[in-house]
Amino acid sequence: MRCPTCEREFSSAETTAMPFCSERCRLIDLGRWLDEAISLPVVPDPDADEVPEQIEPGDDQ
């Protein structure tokens, strides 16, 4: 297998942090999600009642 964080090849039998090669790589990936550096794409629901709020550049909310 190849670690999705560092791309190092490793054996799945050698790690307790699957699908990562180490706990360190697992925590790096978690940090990226929490910082919103990576995310899943959001597809707006055309039937939703709510209209997404547009944030203008320079708005401090």
Protein backbone atom coordinates (compact mmCIF):
# COMPACT_ATOMS: atom_id res chain seq x y z
CA MET A 1 0.00 0.00 0.00
CA ARG A 2 0.95 3.64 -0.37
CA CYS A 3 0.32 6.21 2.39
CA PRO A 4 -2.05 8.98 1.20
CA THR A 5 -0.12 11.59 3.22
CA CYS A 6 3.57 10.90 2.58
CA GLU A 7 3.15 8.46 -0.35
CA ARG A 8 5.60 6.01 1.25
CA GLU A 9 4.99 2.34 0.50
CA PHE A 10 4.19 0.23 3.56
CA SER A 11 2.64 -3.08 4.55
CA SER A 12 -0.84 -2.92 6.07
CA ALA A 13 0.30 -5.49 8.64
CA GLU A 14 2.96 -3.04 9.94
CA THR A 15 0.66 -0.14 10.92
CA THR A 16 -2.07 0.53 13.45
CA ALA A 17 -3.10 3.73 11.66
CA MET A 18 -4.65 2.35 8.47
CA PRO A 19 -4.84 3.62 5.76
CA PHE A 20 -1.78 5.65 6.82
CA CYS A 21 1.75 4.38 7.38
CA SER A 22 1.97 5.96 10.84
CA GLU A 23 0.08 7.85 13.52
CA ARG A 24 2.00 10.97 12.45
CA CYS A 25 0.63 10.80 8.89
CA ARG A 26 -2.87 10.15 10.24
CA LEU A 27 -2.67 13.30 12.40
CA ILE A 28 -1.30 15.38 9.51
CA ASP A 29 -4.31 14.31 7.41
CA LEU A 30 -6.72 15.10 10.26
CA GLY A 31 -5.16 18.56 10.62
CA ARG A 32 -5.69 19.23 6.91
CA TRP A 33 -9.39 18.37 7.25
CA LEU A 34 -9.80 20.48 10.39
CA ASP A 35 -8.04 23.46 8.77
CA GLU A 36 -10.33 22.96 5.74
CA ALA A 37 -7.28 22.64 3.48
CA ILE A 38 -9.10 19.64 2.01
CA SER A 39 -12.83 19.02 1.90
CA LEU A 40 -15.58 17.26 0.03
CA PRO A 41 -17.27 19.25 -2.73
CA VAL A 42 -20.72 20.58 -1.88
CA VAL A 43 -23.39 20.38 -4.54
CA PRO A 44 -26.25 22.79 -3.78
CA ASP A 45 -29.69 21.21 -3.53
CA PRO A 46 -31.97 23.05 -6.01
CA ASP A 47 -35.00 22.13 -3.88
CA ALA A 48 -33.54 23.55 -0.66
CA ASP A 49 -35.37 26.47 0.93
CA GLU A 50 -32.18 28.13 2.10
CA VAL A 51 -30.13 30.33 -0.20
CA PRO A 52 -26.39 30.22 0.53
CA GLU A 53 -25.14 33.53 1.89
CA GLN A 54 -22.65 35.31 -0.33
CA ILE A 55 -19.63 36.64 1.54
CA GLU A 56 -18.11 39.71 -0.04
CA PRO A 57 -14.33 40.17 0.07
CA GLY A 58 -13.40 42.33 3.02
CA ASP A 59 -16.50 41.47 5.05
CA ASP A 60 -15.56 40.80 8.66
CA GLN A 61 -18.12 38.43 10.10
